[in-house]
Amino acid sequence: RQYAISLTDSDGTHLSGLVLGSGPKGVLLA
C-alpha cells in the first residue's frame, strides 16, 4: 500500500493507482 499514488484525468477525475518497481522499462496494466 505504500506504493499507492493518485492520478488525475484530463476531465478532472481522480484515480487510485499503484506503482511497483522503477526504471526506464515501463509496463502499464489496465
All heavy atoms as atom14 arrays in JSON, in Angstrom:
{
  "sequence": "RQYAISLTDSDGTHLSGLVLGSGPKGVLLA",
  "atom14_mask": [
    [1, 1, 1, 1, 1, 1, 1, 1, 1, 1, 1, 0, 0, 0],
    [1, 1, 1, 1, 1, 1, 1, 1, 1, 0, 0, 0, 0, 0],
    [1, 1, 1, 1, 1, 1, 1, 1, 1, 1, 1, 1, 0, 0],
    [1, 1, 1, 1, 1, 0, 0, 0, 0, 0, 0, 0, 0, 0],
    [1, 1, 1, 1, 1, 1, 1, 1, 0, 0, 0, 0, 0, 0],
    [1, 1, 1, 1, 1, 1, 0, 0, 0, 0, 0, 0, 0, 0],
    [1, 1, 1, 1, 1, 1, 1, 1, 0, 0, 0, 0, 0, 0],
    [1, 1, 1, 1, 1, 1, 1, 0, 0, 0, 0, 0, 0, 0],
    [1, 1, 1, 1, 1, 1, 1, 1, 0, 0, 0, 0, 0, 0],
    [1, 1, 1, 1, 1, 1, 0, 0, 0, 0, 0, 0, 0, 0],
    [1, 1, 1, 1, 1, 1, 1, 1, 0, 0, 0, 0, 0, 0],
    [1, 1, 1, 1, 0, 0, 0, 0, 0, 0, 0, 0, 0, 0],
    [1, 1, 1, 1, 1, 1, 1, 0, 0, 0, 0, 0, 0, 0],
    [1, 1, 1, 1, 1, 1, 1, 1, 1, 1, 0, 0, 0, 0],
    [1, 1, 1, 1, 1, 1, 1, 1, 0, 0, 0, 0, 0, 0],
    [1, 1, 1, 1, 1, 1, 0, 0, 0, 0, 0, 0, 0, 0],
    [1, 1, 1, 1, 0, 0, 0, 0, 0, 0, 0, 0, 0, 0],
    [1, 1, 1, 1, 1, 1, 1, 1, 0, 0, 0, 0, 0, 0],
    [1, 1, 1, 1, 1, 1, 1, 0, 0, 0, 0, 0, 0, 0],
    [1, 1, 1, 1, 1, 1, 1, 1, 0, 0, 0, 0, 0, 0],
    [1, 1, 1, 1, 0, 0, 0, 0, 0, 0, 0, 0, 0, 0],
    [1, 1, 1, 1, 1, 1, 0, 0, 0, 0, 0, 0, 0, 0],
    [1, 1, 1, 1, 0, 0, 0, 0, 0, 0, 0, 0, 0, 0],
    [1, 1, 1, 1, 1, 1, 1, 0, 0, 0, 0, 0, 0, 0],
    [1, 1, 1, 1, 1, 1, 1, 1, 1, 0, 0, 0, 0, 0],
    [1, 1, 1, 1, 0, 0, 0, 0, 0, 0, 0, 0, 0, 0],
    [1, 1, 1, 1, 1, 1, 1, 0, 0, 0, 0, 0, 0, 0],
    [1, 1, 1, 1, 1, 1, 1, 1, 0, 0, 0, 0, 0, 0],
    [1, 1, 1, 1, 1, 1, 1, 1, 0, 0, 0, 0, 0, 0],
    [1, 1, 1, 1, 1, 0, 0, 0, 0, 0, 0, 0, 0, 0]
  ],
  "atom14_positions": [
    [[0.81, -1.22, 0.0], [0.0, 0.0, 0.0], [0.84, 1.27, 0.0], [0.37, 2.34, -0.38], [-0.97, -0.02, 1.18], [-2.03, -1.1, 1.04], [-2.92, -1.21, 2.26], [-3.82, -2.37, 2.15], [-4.64, -2.78, 3.1], [-4.69, -2.13, 4.26], [-5.41, -3.84, 2.91], [0.0, 0.0, 0.0], [0.0, 0.0, 0.0], [0.0, 0.0, 0.0]],
    [[2.09, 1.15, 0.42], [2.99, 2.32, 0.4], [3.28, 2.79, -1.01], [3.77, 3.91, -1.21], [4.3, 1.96, 1.11], [5.06, 0.83, 0.43], [6.32, 0.44, 1.17], [7.18, 1.28, 1.43], [6.42, -0.84, 1.53], [0.0, 0.0, 0.0], [0.0, 0.0, 0.0], [0.0, 0.0, 0.0], [0.0, 0.0, 0.0], [0.0, 0.0, 0.0]],
    [[2.99, 1.97, -2.01], [3.26, 2.31, -3.4], [2.04, 2.91, -4.11], [2.04, 3.08, -5.32], [3.75, 1.08, -4.16], [4.96, 0.42, -3.53], [4.93, -0.91, -3.13], [6.13, 1.15, -3.32], [6.03, -1.51, -2.53], [7.24, 0.56, -2.72], [7.17, -0.77, -2.33], [8.27, -1.34, -1.72], [0.0, 0.0, 0.0], [0.0, 0.0, 0.0]],
    [[1.0, 3.22, -3.34], [-0.2, 3.82, -3.92], [0.09, 5.25, -4.37], [0.91, 5.96, -3.77], [-1.33, 3.82, -2.89], [0.0, 0.0, 0.0], [0.0, 0.0, 0.0], [0.0, 0.0, 0.0], [0.0, 0.0, 0.0], [0.0, 0.0, 0.0], [0.0, 0.0, 0.0], [0.0, 0.0, 0.0], [0.0, 0.0, 0.0], [0.0, 0.0, 0.0]],
    [[-0.6, 5.67, -5.43], [-0.46, 7.03, -5.95], [-1.84, 7.58, -6.29], [-2.83, 6.83, -6.3], [0.43, 7.08, -7.22], [-0.23, 6.28, -8.36], [1.84, 6.59, -6.93], [0.42, 6.5, -9.71], [0.0, 0.0, 0.0], [0.0, 0.0, 0.0], [0.0, 0.0, 0.0], [0.0, 0.0, 0.0], [0.0, 0.0, 0.0], [0.0, 0.0, 0.0]],
    [[-1.9, 8.86, -6.57], [-3.12, 9.49, -7.1], [-2.87, 9.93, -8.53], [-1.78, 10.4, -8.86], [-3.53, 10.7, -6.26], [-3.99, 10.33, -4.99], [0.0, 0.0, 0.0], [0.0, 0.0, 0.0], [0.0, 0.0, 0.0], [0.0, 0.0, 0.0], [0.0, 0.0, 0.0], [0.0, 0.0, 0.0], [0.0, 0.0, 0.0], [0.0, 0.0, 0.0]],
    [[-3.87, 9.77, -9.37], [-3.83, 10.21, -10.75], [-5.02, 11.13, -11.0], [-6.08, 10.94, -10.4], [-3.9, 9.02, -11.72], [-2.79, 7.99, -11.64], [-3.2, 6.71, -12.37], [-1.52, 8.55, -12.25], [0.0, 0.0, 0.0], [0.0, 0.0, 0.0], [0.0, 0.0, 0.0], [0.0, 0.0, 0.0], [0.0, 0.0, 0.0], [0.0, 0.0, 0.0]],
    [[-4.84, 12.09, -11.9], [-5.95, 12.97, -12.27], [-6.06, 13.01, -13.79], [-5.09, 13.32, -14.49], [-5.74, 14.4, -11.72], [-5.61, 14.35, -10.3], [-6.93, 15.28, -12.08], [0.0, 0.0, 0.0], [0.0, 0.0, 0.0], [0.0, 0.0, 0.0], [0.0, 0.0, 0.0], [0.0, 0.0, 0.0], [0.0, 0.0, 0.0], [0.0, 0.0, 0.0]],
    [[-7.26, 12.67, -14.28], [-7.5, 12.63, -15.72], [-7.63, 14.04, -16.31], [-7.76, 15.02, -15.59], [-8.8, 11.88, -16.01], [-8.66, 10.39, -15.81], [-7.61, 9.96, -15.3], [-9.6, 9.66, -16.17], [0.0, 0.0, 0.0], [0.0, 0.0, 0.0], [0.0, 0.0, 0.0], [0.0, 0.0, 0.0], [0.0, 0.0, 0.0], [0.0, 0.0, 0.0]],
    [[-7.68, 14.08, -17.62], [-7.86, 15.36, -18.32], [-9.21, 15.99, -18.0], [-9.38, 17.2, -18.12], [-7.72, 15.15, -19.83], [-8.7, 14.23, -20.3], [0.0, 0.0, 0.0], [0.0, 0.0, 0.0], [0.0, 0.0, 0.0], [0.0, 0.0, 0.0], [0.0, 0.0, 0.0], [0.0, 0.0, 0.0], [0.0, 0.0, 0.0], [0.0, 0.0, 0.0]],
    [[-10.2, 15.17, -17.6], [-11.52, 15.7, -17.25], [-11.67, 15.95, -15.75], [-12.76, 16.24, -15.27], [-12.63, 14.79, -17.76], [-12.56, 13.38, -17.16], [-11.74, 13.14, -16.23], [-13.32, 12.51, -17.6], [0.0, 0.0, 0.0], [0.0, 0.0, 0.0], [0.0, 0.0, 0.0], [0.0, 0.0, 0.0], [0.0, 0.0, 0.0], [0.0, 0.0, 0.0]],
    [[-10.56, 15.82, -15.01], [-10.57, 16.11, -13.59], [-10.9, 14.93, -12.7], [-10.9, 15.06, -11.47], [0.0, 0.0, 0.0], [0.0, 0.0, 0.0], [0.0, 0.0, 0.0], [0.0, 0.0, 0.0], [0.0, 0.0, 0.0], [0.0, 0.0, 0.0], [0.0, 0.0, 0.0], [0.0, 0.0, 0.0], [0.0, 0.0, 0.0], [0.0, 0.0, 0.0]],
    [[-11.18, 13.77, -13.26], [-11.49, 12.58, -12.47], [-10.24, 12.09, -11.75], [-9.17, 11.99, -12.34], [-12.03, 11.46, -13.37], [-13.2, 11.92, -14.05], [-12.37, 10.23, -12.55], [0.0, 0.0, 0.0], [0.0, 0.0, 0.0], [0.0, 0.0, 0.0], [0.0, 0.0, 0.0], [0.0, 0.0, 0.0], [0.0, 0.0, 0.0], [0.0, 0.0, 0.0]],
    [[-10.38, 11.78, -10.46], [-9.27, 11.3, -9.66], [-9.27, 9.77, -9.59], [-10.32, 9.16, -9.39], [-9.34, 11.88, -8.24], [-9.28, 13.37, -8.2], [-8.21, 14.09, -8.7], [-10.17, 14.29, -7.73], [-8.42, 15.38, -8.53], [-9.61, 15.53, -7.96], [0.0, 0.0, 0.0], [0.0, 0.0, 0.0], [0.0, 0.0, 0.0], [0.0, 0.0, 0.0]],
    [[-8.1, 9.21, -9.71], [-7.96, 7.76, -9.69], [-6.95, 7.32, -8.63], [-6.01, 8.05, -8.31], [-7.46, 7.23, -11.05], [-8.17, 7.68, -12.31], [-7.42, 7.14, -13.53], [-9.62, 7.21, -12.32], [0.0, 0.0, 0.0], [0.0, 0.0, 0.0], [0.0, 0.0, 0.0], [0.0, 0.0, 0.0], [0.0, 0.0, 0.0], [0.0, 0.0, 0.0]],
    [[-7.16, 6.12, -8.14], [-6.15, 5.47, -7.32], [-5.29, 4.61, -8.24], [-5.77, 4.06, -9.23], [-6.82, 4.58, -6.27], [-5.86, 3.83, -5.54], [0.0, 0.0, 0.0], [0.0, 0.0, 0.0], [0.0, 0.0, 0.0], [0.0, 0.0, 0.0], [0.0, 0.0, 0.0], [0.0, 0.0, 0.0], [0.0, 0.0, 0.0], [0.0, 0.0, 0.0]],
    [[-4.03, 4.52, -7.93], [-3.13, 3.71, -8.74], [-2.04, 3.11, -7.89], [-1.88, 3.46, -6.71], [0.0, 0.0, 0.0], [0.0, 0.0, 0.0], [0.0, 0.0, 0.0], [0.0, 0.0, 0.0], [0.0, 0.0, 0.0], [0.0, 0.0, 0.0], [0.0, 0.0, 0.0], [0.0, 0.0, 0.0], [0.0, 0.0, 0.0], [0.0, 0.0, 0.0]],
    [[-1.29, 2.21, -8.49], [-0.21, 1.53, -7.81], [1.0, 1.5, -8.73], [0.87, 1.17, -9.91], [-0.64, 0.1, -7.47], [0.12, -0.68, -6.39], [0.02, 0.01, -5.03], [-0.42, -2.1, -6.31], [0.0, 0.0, 0.0], [0.0, 0.0, 0.0], [0.0, 0.0, 0.0], [0.0, 0.0, 0.0], [0.0, 0.0, 0.0], [0.0, 0.0, 0.0]],
    [[2.16, 1.9, -8.22], [3.4, 1.83, -8.99], [4.35, 0.88, -8.28], [4.75, 1.12, -7.14], [4.05, 3.21, -9.15], [5.37, 3.08, -9.92], [3.13, 4.16, -9.88], [0.0, 0.0, 0.0], [0.0, 0.0, 0.0], [0.0, 0.0, 0.0], [0.0, 0.0, 0.0], [0.0, 0.0, 0.0], [0.0, 0.0, 0.0], [0.0, 0.0, 0.0]],
    [[4.73, -0.19, -8.96], [5.65, -1.17, -8.42], [6.93, -1.13, -9.22], [6.91, -1.14, -10.45], [5.04, -2.57, -8.49], [3.67, -2.75, -7.82], [3.15, -4.17, -8.04], [3.74, -2.44, -6.34], [0.0, 0.0, 0.0], [0.0, 0.0, 0.0], [0.0, 0.0, 0.0], [0.0, 0.0, 0.0], [0.0, 0.0, 0.0], [0.0, 0.0, 0.0]],
    [[8.07, -1.07, -8.54], [9.35, -1.03, -9.23], [9.66, 0.35, -9.75], [8.94, 1.32, -9.52], [0.0, 0.0, 0.0], [0.0, 0.0, 0.0], [0.0, 0.0, 0.0], [0.0, 0.0, 0.0], [0.0, 0.0, 0.0], [0.0, 0.0, 0.0], [0.0, 0.0, 0.0], [0.0, 0.0, 0.0], [0.0, 0.0, 0.0], [0.0, 0.0, 0.0]],
    [[10.76, 0.44, -10.48], [11.19, 1.71, -11.05], [12.08, 1.44, -12.25], [12.42, 0.29, -12.54], [11.96, 2.53, -10.0], [13.12, 1.82, -9.56], [0.0, 0.0, 0.0], [0.0, 0.0, 0.0], [0.0, 0.0, 0.0], [0.0, 0.0, 0.0], [0.0, 0.0, 0.0], [0.0, 0.0, 0.0], [0.0, 0.0, 0.0], [0.0, 0.0, 0.0]],
    [[12.45, 2.5, -12.96], [13.36, 2.34, -14.08], [12.76, 2.73, -15.41], [11.58, 3.08, -15.51], [0.0, 0.0, 0.0], [0.0, 0.0, 0.0], [0.0, 0.0, 0.0], [0.0, 0.0, 0.0], [0.0, 0.0, 0.0], [0.0, 0.0, 0.0], [0.0, 0.0, 0.0], [0.0, 0.0, 0.0], [0.0, 0.0, 0.0], [0.0, 0.0, 0.0]],
    [[13.57, 2.66, -16.47], [13.15, 3.15, -17.79], [12.26, 2.19, -18.57], [11.68, 2.57, -19.58], [14.47, 3.36, -18.52], [15.38, 2.33, -17.9], [14.99, 2.27, -16.45], [0.0, 0.0, 0.0], [0.0, 0.0, 0.0], [0.0, 0.0, 0.0], [0.0, 0.0, 0.0], [0.0, 0.0, 0.0], [0.0, 0.0, 0.0], [0.0, 0.0, 0.0]],
    [[12.14, 0.95, -18.12], [11.29, -0.02, -18.81], [9.95, -0.08, -18.1], [9.83, -0.63, -16.99], [11.95, -1.4, -18.83], [13.26, -1.44, -19.63], [13.85, -2.83, -19.64], [15.12, -2.88, -20.49], [15.7, -4.25, -20.52], [0.0, 0.0, 0.0], [0.0, 0.0, 0.0], [0.0, 0.0, 0.0], [0.0, 0.0, 0.0], [0.0, 0.0, 0.0]],
    [[8.93, 0.49, -18.73], [7.63, 0.62, -18.09], [6.59, -0.34, -18.63], [6.57, -0.65, -19.83], [0.0, 0.0, 0.0], [0.0, 0.0, 0.0], [0.0, 0.0, 0.0], [0.0, 0.0, 0.0], [0.0, 0.0, 0.0], [0.0, 0.0, 0.0], [0.0, 0.0, 0.0], [0.0, 0.0, 0.0], [0.0, 0.0, 0.0], [0.0, 0.0, 0.0]],
    [[5.73, -0.8, -17.75], [4.6, -1.66, -18.13], [3.35, -1.09, -17.49], [3.31, -0.82, -16.29], [4.81, -3.11, -17.65], [3.59, -3.96, -18.04], [6.09, -3.7, -18.23], [0.0, 0.0, 0.0], [0.0, 0.0, 0.0], [0.0, 0.0, 0.0], [0.0, 0.0, 0.0], [0.0, 0.0, 0.0], [0.0, 0.0, 0.0], [0.0, 0.0, 0.0]],
    [[2.32, -0.88, -18.3], [1.02, -0.42, -17.79], [0.01, -1.54, -17.97], [-0.09, -2.11, -19.06], [0.57, 0.83, -18.53], [-0.69, 1.53, -17.99], [-0.65, 3.03, -18.31], [-1.98, 0.92, -18.56], [0.0, 0.0, 0.0], [0.0, 0.0, 0.0], [0.0, 0.0, 0.0], [0.0, 0.0, 0.0], [0.0, 0.0, 0.0], [0.0, 0.0, 0.0]],
    [[-0.71, -1.86, -16.91], [-1.68, -2.94, -16.93], [-3.05, -2.4, -16.56], [-3.24, -1.83, -15.47], [-1.27, -4.04, -15.95], [0.11, -4.67, -16.21], [0.5, -5.6, -15.06], [0.11, -5.44, -17.53], [0.0, 0.0, 0.0], [0.0, 0.0, 0.0], [0.0, 0.0, 0.0], [0.0, 0.0, 0.0], [0.0, 0.0, 0.0], [0.0, 0.0, 0.0]],
    [[-4.03, -2.54, -17.45], [-5.38, -1.98, -17.26], [-6.38, -3.11, -17.04], [-6.55, -3.98, -17.9], [-5.77, -1.14, -18.47], [0.0, 0.0, 0.0], [0.0, 0.0, 0.0], [0.0, 0.0, 0.0], [0.0, 0.0, 0.0], [0.0, 0.0, 0.0], [0.0, 0.0, 0.0], [0.0, 0.0, 0.0], [0.0, 0.0, 0.0], [0.0, 0.0, 0.0]]
  ]
}
